[in-house]
Every structure is written in C-alpha cells, then in structure tokens.
Amino acid sequence: MTAQGTRLPIGGILYLLMAFMLGAYFTFAAVQGDYGVLRQVQIRAEAEVLRVERDRLYQDLAKISNLTARLSDRYLDVDLLDEQVRDVLGYVRADEIVIR
C-alpha cells in the first residue's frame, strides 16, 4: 500500500464556484435587469400613469370639441359667444360693475 496525500479537488471546486456565479448572475438579471421583475413593476406603474393622463387628455379634447362645435357656423350658442367676447375683448354692459 502506498500513502496518498490529500489533494484538494480543484476541478470540482471550480465547477461549483462557476455554477454558483452563473446562478447568481442569472438571478440578479431576473430581478434587476432590463426585463427583470423590478423593471416590469416600474413599466406597469408608468403605464397606469400614462393611461390616467390619456383619459384626462380625452376629456379635454371632448370639452374643446364641444366648445368649438358651439362656436361654429352651424350652431351658435349666444351665451358662450357673450362669454368669449367679454373674456377676449373685455366688453362689459352698462349695468354691470367690474371688480378687479
């Protein structure tokens, strides 16, 4: 019988170290990467903010479209025309008092 020295299994240790490092990299990429879990949450939050802004802009567009239609040649709203004349040109009636 020959006496064998204890030799560290360097190949096995390197293999396990490399597997651990790859696992850590892919775990980090899955959580923090460009398409990771945290980025998906951020994208969903931004999408919700943009949806709210889009809905607000649609409401503004509907309001402006309504006012434009009311000032068109086909339909004339006298009250709206009076309001616009007073606002833009600064007209007031003789029986009104202006407070600034």
Protein backbone atom coordinates (compact mmCIF):
# COMPACT_ATOMS: atom_id res chain seq x y z
CA MET A 1 0.00 0.00 0.00
CA THR A 2 1.15 3.43 -0.88
CA ALA A 3 0.43 6.51 1.08
CA GLN A 4 -1.55 9.03 -0.87
CA GLY A 5 -1.56 12.68 0.10
CA THR A 6 -4.80 14.53 0.44
CA ARG A 7 -5.27 16.62 -2.66
CA LEU A 8 -7.98 19.24 -2.96
CA PRO A 9 -10.43 18.60 -5.78
CA ILE A 10 -9.72 21.91 -7.53
CA GLY A 11 -11.73 20.94 -10.62
CA GLY A 12 -14.82 20.23 -8.52
CA ILE A 13 -14.44 23.42 -6.52
CA LEU A 14 -14.03 25.47 -9.69
CA TYR A 15 -17.06 23.77 -11.23
CA LEU A 16 -19.22 24.54 -8.18
CA LEU A 17 -17.89 28.11 -7.99
CA MET A 18 -18.65 28.70 -11.67
CA ALA A 19 -22.15 27.20 -11.30
CA PHE A 20 -22.78 29.41 -8.26
CA MET A 21 -21.55 32.52 -10.08
CA LEU A 22 -23.74 31.78 -13.12
CA GLY A 23 -26.73 31.19 -10.87
CA ALA A 24 -26.09 34.45 -9.03
CA TYR A 25 -25.73 36.35 -12.32
CA PHE A 26 -28.97 34.98 -13.77
CA THR A 27 -30.82 35.61 -10.50
CA PHE A 28 -29.57 39.20 -10.44
CA ALA A 29 -30.53 39.67 -14.11
CA ALA A 30 -34.01 38.22 -13.47
CA VAL A 31 -34.60 40.71 -10.66
CA GLN A 32 -32.63 43.83 -11.61
CA GLY A 33 -32.07 43.52 -15.37
CA ASP A 34 -33.65 45.42 -18.26
CA TYR A 35 -36.52 42.91 -18.40
CA GLY A 36 -36.41 41.92 -14.74
CA VAL A 37 -39.14 41.78 -12.16
CA LEU A 38 -38.50 45.26 -10.78
CA ARG A 39 -38.44 46.80 -14.27
CA GLN A 40 -41.78 45.12 -15.07
CA VAL A 41 -43.32 46.67 -11.95
CA GLN A 42 -41.92 50.06 -12.96
CA ILE A 43 -43.28 49.69 -16.50
CA ARG A 44 -46.75 48.82 -15.18
CA ALA A 45 -46.73 51.87 -12.89
CA GLU A 46 -45.66 54.14 -15.76
CA ALA A 47 -48.35 52.62 -17.99
CA GLU A 48 -51.02 53.39 -15.38
CA VAL A 49 -49.84 57.00 -15.09
CA LEU A 50 -49.94 57.33 -18.88
CA ARG A 51 -53.45 55.82 -19.01
CA VAL A 52 -54.68 58.40 -16.49
CA GLU A 53 -53.07 61.21 -18.49
CA ARG A 54 -54.56 59.84 -21.73
CA ASP A 55 -58.04 59.78 -20.20
CA ARG A 56 -57.60 63.35 -18.96
CA LEU A 57 -56.49 64.46 -22.42
CA TYR A 58 -59.51 62.74 -23.99
CA GLN A 59 -61.75 64.68 -21.60
CA ASP A 60 -60.00 67.92 -22.51
CA LEU A 61 -60.37 67.10 -26.20
CA ALA A 62 -64.07 66.40 -25.78
CA LYS A 63 -64.52 69.71 -23.94
CA ILE A 64 -62.64 71.66 -26.62
CA SER A 65 -64.53 69.88 -29.39
CA ASN A 66 -67.81 70.78 -27.69
CA LEU A 67 -66.82 74.43 -27.37
CA THR A 68 -65.64 74.52 -30.99
CA ALA A 69 -68.90 73.00 -32.20
CA ARG A 70 -70.86 75.53 -30.16
CA LEU A 71 -68.97 78.41 -31.80
CA SER A 72 -69.27 77.05 -35.34
CA ASP A 73 -71.46 78.44 -38.13
CA ARG A 74 -73.92 75.56 -37.84
CA TYR A 75 -74.62 76.10 -34.15
CA LEU A 76 -74.22 79.38 -32.33
CA ASP A 77 -74.52 79.46 -28.56
CA VAL A 78 -75.22 83.07 -27.63
CA ASP A 79 -74.15 82.62 -24.00
CA LEU A 80 -70.81 81.13 -25.00
CA LEU A 81 -70.27 83.84 -27.59
CA ASP A 82 -71.06 86.50 -24.98
CA GLU A 83 -68.60 84.89 -22.54
CA GLN A 84 -65.85 84.77 -25.16
CA VAL A 85 -66.42 88.39 -26.22
CA ARG A 86 -66.25 89.55 -22.62
CA ASP A 87 -63.13 87.50 -21.93
CA VAL A 88 -61.16 88.29 -25.10
CA LEU A 89 -62.27 91.84 -25.84
CA GLY A 90 -63.01 92.97 -22.29
CA TYR A 91 -66.57 94.13 -23.02
CA VAL A 92 -68.98 94.86 -20.20
CA ARG A 93 -72.57 96.02 -20.21
CA ALA A 94 -73.58 99.43 -18.92
CA ASP A 95 -75.45 97.97 -15.95
CA GLU A 96 -72.51 95.83 -14.70
CA ILE A 97 -69.88 96.60 -12.11
CA VAL A 98 -66.37 95.26 -12.76
CA ILE A 99 -64.36 94.14 -9.73
CA ARG A 100 -60.64 93.53 -10.23
